[in-house]
Amino acid sequence: MTLTVAGPVRVVVDAYVFAVGDDGSRAVLVLVPRGAPSLQPGDHVEVTGTLRPFDVAAVEAEFAILLDRHRLADFGGQPVLIATMIRRR
């Protein structure tokens, strides 16, 4: 499913993953296969991509990347938005 989300960056997990969402909403986990732009918590972004179940091992194999599994433990069971476009707002 293609989805666009907008809001502040809540947390930067590693070079490929960050979460977007307002304080009152559930954060959307975003993965940027080519590496996320330099972002800080509080930066406002708009992200478009494909929402899918998040299987860390499958994502690492598909995109030939290594993710910080320890820091991703807090996001277990959440889907991930595989970003195709990121725009600062």
C-alpha atoms as a PDB file:
ATOM      1  CA  MET A   1       0.000   0.000   0.000  1.00  0.00           C
ATOM      2  CA  THR A   2       1.380   3.425  -0.965  1.00  0.00           C
ATOM      3  CA  LEU A   3       1.150   5.967   1.821  1.00  0.00           C
ATOM      4  CA  THR A   4       2.255   9.549   2.530  1.00  0.00           C
ATOM      5  CA  VAL A   5       2.828  10.702   6.101  1.00  0.00           C
ATOM      6  CA  ALA A   6       3.904  14.092   7.381  1.00  0.00           C
ATOM      7  CA  GLY A   7       5.044  15.275  10.764  1.00  0.00           C
ATOM      8  CA  PRO A   8       8.012  15.729  13.009  1.00  0.00           C
ATOM      9  CA  VAL A   9      10.790  13.176  13.277  1.00  0.00           C
ATOM     10  CA  ARG A  10      10.378  11.535  16.681  1.00  0.00           C
ATOM     11  CA  VAL A  11      13.528   9.453  16.777  1.00  0.00           C
ATOM     12  CA  VAL A  12      16.422   8.599  14.465  1.00  0.00           C
ATOM     13  CA  VAL A  13      17.180   4.898  14.955  1.00  0.00           C
ATOM     14  CA  ASP A  14      20.183   4.548  12.657  1.00  0.00           C
ATOM     15  CA  ALA A  15      21.433   5.592   9.213  1.00  0.00           C
ATOM     16  CA  TYR A  16      18.441   3.930   7.505  1.00  0.00           C
ATOM     17  CA  VAL A  17      15.527   4.168   9.928  1.00  0.00           C
ATOM     18  CA  PHE A  18      13.628   6.932  11.693  1.00  0.00           C
ATOM     19  CA  ALA A  19      10.126   7.409  13.104  1.00  0.00           C
ATOM     20  CA  VAL A  20       7.667  10.166  12.213  1.00  0.00           C
ATOM     21  CA  GLY A  21       4.608  11.257  14.163  1.00  0.00           C
ATOM     22  CA  ASP A  22       3.032  13.845  16.410  1.00  0.00           C
ATOM     23  CA  ASP A  23       3.145  13.321  20.177  1.00  0.00           C
ATOM     24  CA  GLY A  24      -0.513  12.300  20.245  1.00  0.00           C
ATOM     25  CA  SER A  25      -0.242   9.729  17.451  1.00  0.00           C
ATOM     26  CA  ARG A  26       1.479   6.423  16.944  1.00  0.00           C
ATOM     27  CA  ALA A  27       4.826   6.925  15.224  1.00  0.00           C
ATOM     28  CA  VAL A  28       5.306   5.554  11.708  1.00  0.00           C
ATOM     29  CA  LEU A  29       8.585   3.712  11.251  1.00  0.00           C
ATOM     30  CA  VAL A  30      10.355   4.781   8.029  1.00  0.00           C
ATOM     31  CA  LEU A  31      13.150   2.907   6.256  1.00  0.00           C
ATOM     32  CA  VAL A  32      15.255   4.631   3.593  1.00  0.00           C
ATOM     33  CA  PRO A  33      17.112   1.852   1.711  1.00  0.00           C
ATOM     34  CA  ARG A  34      19.744   4.199   0.263  1.00  0.00           C
ATOM     35  CA  GLY A  35      20.319   5.863   3.643  1.00  0.00           C
ATOM     36  CA  ALA A  36      18.260   8.534   5.342  1.00  0.00           C
ATOM     37  CA  PRO A  37      19.128  12.190   4.938  1.00  0.00           C
ATOM     38  CA  SER A  38      20.647  13.891   7.944  1.00  0.00           C
ATOM     39  CA  LEU A  39      17.649  14.334  10.257  1.00  0.00           C
ATOM     40  CA  GLN A  40      17.204  15.337  13.870  1.00  0.00           C
ATOM     41  CA  PRO A  41      14.254  14.767  16.201  1.00  0.00           C
ATOM     42  CA  GLY A  42      11.830  17.626  15.636  1.00  0.00           C
ATOM     43  CA  ASP A  43      12.629  18.109  11.929  1.00  0.00           C
ATOM     44  CA  HIS A  44       9.392  18.185   9.909  1.00  0.00           C
ATOM     45  CA  VAL A  45       9.235  15.839   6.929  1.00  0.00           C
ATOM     46  CA  GLU A  46       6.800  14.405   4.411  1.00  0.00           C
ATOM     47  CA  VAL A  47       7.502  10.803   3.413  1.00  0.00           C
ATOM     48  CA  THR A  48       5.917   8.731   0.636  1.00  0.00           C
ATOM     49  CA  GLY A  49       6.508   5.030   0.260  1.00  0.00           C
ATOM     50  CA  THR A  50       5.140   1.528   0.535  1.00  0.00           C
ATOM     51  CA  LEU A  51       3.792   0.309   3.863  1.00  0.00           C
ATOM     52  CA  ARG A  52       4.520  -3.336   4.663  1.00  0.00           C
ATOM     53  CA  PRO A  53       5.127  -5.663   7.610  1.00  0.00           C
ATOM     54  CA  PHE A  54       8.566  -5.123   9.136  1.00  0.00           C
ATOM     55  CA  ASP A  55      10.756  -8.215   9.060  1.00  0.00           C
ATOM     56  CA  VAL A  56      14.262  -7.005   9.930  1.00  0.00           C
ATOM     57  CA  ALA A  57      16.082  -9.995   8.411  1.00  0.00           C
ATOM     58  CA  ALA A  58      14.101  -9.786   5.167  1.00  0.00           C
ATOM     59  CA  VAL A  59      14.710  -6.028   4.849  1.00  0.00           C
ATOM     60  CA  GLU A  60      18.438  -6.445   5.519  1.00  0.00           C
ATOM     61  CA  ALA A  61      18.671  -9.152   2.848  1.00  0.00           C
ATOM     62  CA  GLU A  62      16.526  -7.321   0.282  1.00  0.00           C
ATOM     63  CA  PHE A  63      18.382  -4.022   0.514  1.00  0.00           C
ATOM     64  CA  ALA A  64      21.849  -5.355   1.504  1.00  0.00           C
ATOM     65  CA  ILE A  65      21.978  -3.230   4.662  1.00  0.00           C
ATOM     66  CA  LEU A  66      22.570  -3.864   8.365  1.00  0.00           C
ATOM     67  CA  LEU A  67      20.129  -2.333  10.830  1.00  0.00           C
ATOM     68  CA  ASP A  68      20.558  -1.595  14.525  1.00  0.00           C
ATOM     69  CA  ARG A  69      18.436  -4.477  15.838  1.00  0.00           C
ATOM     70  CA  HIS A  70      18.884  -3.438  19.465  1.00  0.00           C
ATOM     71  CA  ARG A  71      17.408   0.027  18.846  1.00  0.00           C
ATOM     72  CA  LEU A  72      14.647  -1.429  16.653  1.00  0.00           C
ATOM     73  CA  ALA A  73      13.424  -3.700  19.466  1.00  0.00           C
ATOM     74  CA  ASP A  74      11.116  -0.899  20.674  1.00  0.00           C
ATOM     75  CA  PHE A  75       9.286  -1.025  17.332  1.00  0.00           C
ATOM     76  CA  GLY A  76       8.574  -4.766  17.265  1.00  0.00           C
ATOM     77  CA  GLY A  77       5.375  -5.704  15.486  1.00  0.00           C
ATOM     78  CA  GLN A  78       4.986  -2.349  13.722  1.00  0.00           C
ATOM     79  CA  PRO A  79       4.799  -2.034   9.947  1.00  0.00           C
ATOM     80  CA  VAL A  80       7.457  -0.028   8.136  1.00  0.00           C
ATOM     81  CA  LEU A  81       7.154   2.580   5.408  1.00  0.00           C
ATOM     82  CA  ILE A  82       9.781   1.888   2.729  1.00  0.00           C
ATOM     83  CA  ALA A  83      10.469   5.454   1.599  1.00  0.00           C
ATOM     84  CA  THR A  84      10.599   6.406  -2.066  1.00  0.00           C
ATOM     85  CA  MET A  85      10.459  10.178  -1.425  1.00  0.00           C
ATOM     86  CA  ILE A  86      11.363  12.367   1.544  1.00  0.00           C
ATOM     87  CA  ARG A  87      10.791  16.079   1.646  1.00  0.00           C
ATOM     88  CA  ARG A  88      11.600  18.481   4.463  1.00  0.00           C
ATOM     89  CA  ARG A  89       8.691  20.738   5.362  1.00  0.00           C
END
